[in-house]
């Protein structure tokens, strides 16, 4: 499976977070969105 460069993945997750600042965001939710385990996120 090819992954986009890390900088693109970080930009994608930051944009996703900014769209949801009014929602509760958990570590597990963020890690899942980024395709990582909570430990590695």
N, C-alpha and C. Protein backbone atom coordinates (compact mmCIF):
# COMPACT_ATOMS: atom_id res chain seq x y z
N UNK A 1 0.84 -1.17 0.00
CA UNK A 1 0.00 0.00 0.00
C UNK A 1 0.89 1.24 0.00
N UNK A 2 0.70 2.11 -0.97
CA UNK A 2 1.46 3.34 -1.04
C UNK A 2 0.79 4.40 -0.17
N UNK A 3 1.61 5.11 0.57
CA UNK A 3 1.11 6.18 1.41
C UNK A 3 1.61 7.51 0.87
N UNK A 4 0.82 8.56 1.02
CA UNK A 4 1.32 9.88 0.63
C UNK A 4 2.47 10.28 1.55
N UNK A 5 3.26 11.25 1.15
CA UNK A 5 4.36 11.71 2.01
C UNK A 5 3.82 12.16 3.37
N UNK A 6 4.66 12.06 4.39
CA UNK A 6 4.24 12.40 5.75
C UNK A 6 3.68 13.82 5.83
N UNK A 7 4.28 14.76 5.12
CA UNK A 7 3.80 16.13 5.18
C UNK A 7 2.37 16.25 4.67
N UNK A 8 2.02 15.47 3.64
CA UNK A 8 0.64 15.47 3.13
C UNK A 8 -0.32 14.86 4.14
N UNK A 9 0.11 13.80 4.79
CA UNK A 9 -0.74 13.15 5.80
C UNK A 9 -0.97 14.08 6.98
N UNK A 10 0.06 14.81 7.38
CA UNK A 10 -0.09 15.75 8.49
C UNK A 10 -1.03 16.88 8.08
N UNK A 11 -0.86 17.42 6.90
CA UNK A 11 -1.74 18.49 6.41
C UNK A 11 -3.18 18.00 6.34
N UNK A 12 -3.39 16.77 5.88
CA UNK A 12 -4.74 16.22 5.78
C UNK A 12 -5.40 16.10 7.15
N UNK A 13 -4.67 15.58 8.14
CA UNK A 13 -5.27 15.40 9.46
C UNK A 13 -5.49 16.76 10.13
N UNK A 14 -4.60 17.72 9.92
CA UNK A 14 -4.81 19.05 10.48
C UNK A 14 -6.04 19.72 9.88
N UNK A 15 -6.23 19.59 8.59
CA UNK A 15 -7.42 20.15 7.95
C UNK A 15 -8.68 19.48 8.49
N UNK A 16 -8.63 18.18 8.69
CA UNK A 16 -9.77 17.43 9.21
C UNK A 16 -10.09 17.90 10.63
N UNK A 17 -9.06 18.11 11.45
CA UNK A 17 -9.26 18.59 12.82
C UNK A 17 -9.89 19.98 12.80
N UNK A 18 -9.37 20.87 11.96
CA UNK A 18 -9.89 22.23 11.91
C UNK A 18 -11.36 22.28 11.52
N UNK A 19 -11.79 21.33 10.71
CA UNK A 19 -13.20 21.26 10.31
C UNK A 19 -14.10 20.78 11.44
N UNK A 20 -13.50 20.21 12.49
CA UNK A 20 -14.27 19.61 13.57
C UNK A 20 -13.92 20.16 14.95
N UNK A 21 -13.48 21.40 15.01
CA UNK A 21 -13.07 21.97 16.29
C UNK A 21 -14.21 22.07 17.29
N UNK A 22 -15.44 22.06 16.81
CA UNK A 22 -16.59 22.14 17.71
C UNK A 22 -17.05 20.76 18.18
N UNK A 23 -16.36 19.70 17.78
CA UNK A 23 -16.69 18.33 18.18
C UNK A 23 -15.63 17.81 19.14
N UNK A 24 -16.03 16.90 20.04
CA UNK A 24 -15.02 16.27 20.88
C UNK A 24 -14.15 15.32 20.03
N UNK A 25 -12.85 15.49 20.07
CA UNK A 25 -11.94 14.66 19.30
C UNK A 25 -11.04 13.89 20.26
N UNK A 26 -11.13 12.59 20.21
CA UNK A 26 -10.31 11.76 21.08
C UNK A 26 -9.03 11.34 20.37
N UNK A 27 -8.07 10.93 21.16
CA UNK A 27 -6.83 10.43 20.60
C UNK A 27 -7.11 9.25 19.68
N UNK A 28 -7.98 8.35 20.11
CA UNK A 28 -8.31 7.18 19.30
C UNK A 28 -8.93 7.60 17.96
N UNK A 29 -9.80 8.58 17.99
CA UNK A 29 -10.45 9.07 16.76
C UNK A 29 -9.42 9.68 15.81
N UNK A 30 -8.54 10.51 16.36
CA UNK A 30 -7.52 11.15 15.54
C UNK A 30 -6.55 10.13 14.95
N UNK A 31 -6.12 9.20 15.76
CA UNK A 31 -5.20 8.17 15.29
C UNK A 31 -5.84 7.33 14.20
N UNK A 32 -7.11 6.97 14.39
CA UNK A 32 -7.81 6.18 13.39
C UNK A 32 -7.89 6.94 12.06
N UNK A 33 -8.22 8.21 12.13
CA UNK A 33 -8.31 9.04 10.92
C UNK A 33 -6.96 9.11 10.21
N UNK A 34 -5.88 9.15 10.99
CA UNK A 34 -4.53 9.24 10.42
C UNK A 34 -4.00 7.88 9.99
N UNK A 35 -4.71 6.81 10.32
CA UNK A 35 -4.27 5.47 9.95
C UNK A 35 -3.13 4.97 10.83
N UNK A 36 -3.11 5.43 12.08
CA UNK A 36 -2.06 5.05 13.01
C UNK A 36 -2.69 4.51 14.28
N UNK A 37 -1.89 3.86 15.09
CA UNK A 37 -2.35 3.47 16.40
C UNK A 37 -2.28 4.71 17.31
N UNK A 38 -3.07 4.73 18.37
CA UNK A 38 -2.96 5.86 19.29
C UNK A 38 -1.54 6.04 19.83
N UNK A 39 -0.83 4.95 20.03
CA UNK A 39 0.54 5.01 20.54
C UNK A 39 1.44 5.77 19.57
N UNK A 40 1.28 5.53 18.27
CA UNK A 40 2.14 6.14 17.28
C UNK A 40 1.67 7.51 16.82
N UNK A 41 0.41 7.83 17.11
CA UNK A 41 -0.10 9.12 16.72
C UNK A 41 0.50 10.19 17.60
